[in-house]
Amino acid sequence: MPNEQAQQPAQGGQMEIKIADNIPGAEYTNMMQVNHNQEEFIMVFMNVAGNSGKVVSKVQTSPGHLKRIVAALAENIQKYESQFGVIKEASAPEANTGIGFEDRK
């Protein structure tokens, strides 16, 4: 598994982070599904257009790490809005989009 783990902090307290070779680039997402149990949160990110879509990423993390992620996102939204203005929240998708997962046998 080449380039998958972060290394210990280098001199000066900085950490070297390497990106896995199998991560080609960013994917656009406009829909997310969140589930959780006692041990983890699972976020499934999708790109949906019209009556079709695809899962572009799935992230699993602990409740403690998710709380840190939410705090970091909130801080970055505040910084963004102070520089570029208030972000208008996107509309929620309609309740019945007709998109779902099918068990194909």
Protein backbone atom coordinates (compact mmCIF):
# COMPACT_ATOMS: atom_id res chain seq x y z
CA MET A 1 0.00 0.00 0.00
CA PRO A 2 2.22 2.83 -1.18
CA ASN A 3 1.83 6.36 0.18
CA GLU A 4 -1.18 5.61 2.40
CA GLN A 5 -0.02 6.52 5.90
CA ALA A 6 1.02 9.85 7.36
CA GLN A 7 4.53 9.87 8.75
CA GLN A 8 5.61 11.02 12.19
CA PRO A 9 6.20 14.77 12.56
CA ALA A 10 9.43 15.90 10.92
CA GLN A 11 11.87 18.37 12.45
CA GLY A 12 10.17 21.60 13.42
CA GLY A 13 6.94 19.80 14.41
CA GLN A 14 5.53 19.58 10.89
CA MET A 15 3.87 16.41 9.67
CA GLU A 16 4.40 15.09 6.17
CA ILE A 17 1.16 13.86 4.61
CA LYS A 18 1.20 11.78 1.43
CA ILE A 19 -1.81 11.16 -0.76
CA ALA A 20 -2.57 7.60 -1.84
CA ASP A 21 -1.72 6.80 -5.45
CA ASN A 22 -5.26 5.55 -6.11
CA ILE A 23 -6.89 8.94 -5.39
CA PRO A 24 -7.08 10.59 -8.83
CA GLY A 25 -8.58 13.97 -7.96
CA ALA A 26 -11.56 15.78 -6.55
CA GLU A 27 -15.14 14.68 -7.19
CA TYR A 28 -18.08 17.08 -7.20
CA THR A 29 -20.83 16.24 -4.72
CA ASN A 30 -24.25 17.82 -4.26
CA MET A 31 -25.92 15.27 -2.00
CA MET A 32 -24.86 13.50 1.19
CA GLN A 33 -26.34 10.72 3.29
CA VAL A 34 -25.26 10.35 6.93
CA ASN A 35 -25.68 7.29 9.13
CA HIS A 36 -24.16 6.45 12.49
CA ASN A 37 -23.88 3.87 15.20
CA GLN A 38 -22.18 4.06 18.59
CA GLU A 39 -18.66 3.65 17.15
CA GLU A 40 -18.70 5.61 13.89
CA PHE A 41 -20.33 8.05 11.51
CA ILE A 42 -20.65 7.07 7.85
CA MET A 43 -21.03 9.80 5.22
CA VAL A 44 -21.86 8.85 1.64
CA PHE A 45 -21.30 11.65 -0.88
CA MET A 46 -23.14 11.59 -4.22
CA ASN A 47 -23.28 13.55 -7.45
CA VAL A 48 -26.92 13.70 -8.54
CA ALA A 49 -28.30 15.24 -11.73
CA GLY A 50 -31.89 14.76 -12.85
CA ASN A 51 -33.05 11.22 -12.15
CA SER A 52 -29.60 9.67 -11.94
CA GLY A 53 -26.54 9.91 -9.79
CA LYS A 54 -23.47 8.12 -8.53
CA VAL A 55 -21.69 7.68 -5.23
CA VAL A 56 -18.39 9.54 -5.46
CA SER A 57 -17.03 8.96 -1.96
CA LYS A 58 -17.72 7.26 1.35
CA VAL A 59 -16.11 8.43 4.58
CA GLN A 60 -16.20 6.61 7.92
CA THR A 61 -14.89 8.28 11.08
CA SER A 62 -15.24 8.22 14.85
CA PRO A 63 -17.69 10.54 16.65
CA GLY A 64 -14.78 12.47 18.19
CA HIS A 65 -13.09 13.05 14.83
CA LEU A 66 -16.39 14.04 13.22
CA LYS A 67 -16.88 16.70 15.89
CA ARG A 68 -13.44 18.12 15.03
CA ILE A 69 -14.33 18.03 11.30
CA VAL A 70 -17.56 19.94 11.96
CA ALA A 71 -15.67 22.56 14.00
CA ALA A 72 -13.05 22.95 11.24
CA LEU A 73 -15.78 23.33 8.60
CA ALA A 74 -17.60 25.94 10.72
CA GLU A 75 -14.36 27.90 11.15
CA ASN A 76 -13.66 27.81 7.42
CA ILE A 77 -17.21 28.90 6.55
CA GLN A 78 -16.76 31.88 8.88
CA LYS A 79 -13.45 32.77 7.21
CA TYR A 80 -14.97 32.38 3.73
CA GLU A 81 -17.97 34.59 4.59
CA SER A 82 -15.78 37.28 6.11
CA GLN A 83 -13.79 37.40 2.86
CA PHE A 84 -16.48 36.79 0.21
CA GLY A 85 -19.84 37.47 1.89
CA VAL A 86 -22.63 35.39 3.32
CA ILE A 87 -23.20 32.00 1.71
CA LYS A 88 -26.77 31.33 0.66
CA GLU A 89 -27.76 27.83 1.78
CA ALA A 90 -28.66 25.48 -1.07
CA SER A 91 -32.18 24.10 -1.25
CA ALA A 92 -32.70 20.62 0.11
CA PRO A 93 -33.48 17.97 -2.49
CA GLU A 94 -37.11 17.04 -3.00
CA ALA A 95 -38.27 14.22 -0.73
CA ASN A 96 -38.90 11.77 -3.59
CA THR A 97 -36.21 12.18 -6.21
CA GLY A 98 -36.73 8.68 -7.57
CA ILE A 99 -33.07 7.91 -6.89
CA GLY A 100 -32.27 4.84 -4.90
CA PHE A 101 -30.06 1.83 -4.73
CA GLU A 102 -31.24 -1.38 -6.32
CA ASP A 103 -30.06 -4.89 -5.52
CA ARG A 104 -29.32 -6.26 -8.99
CA LYS A 105 -29.15 -10.03 -9.11
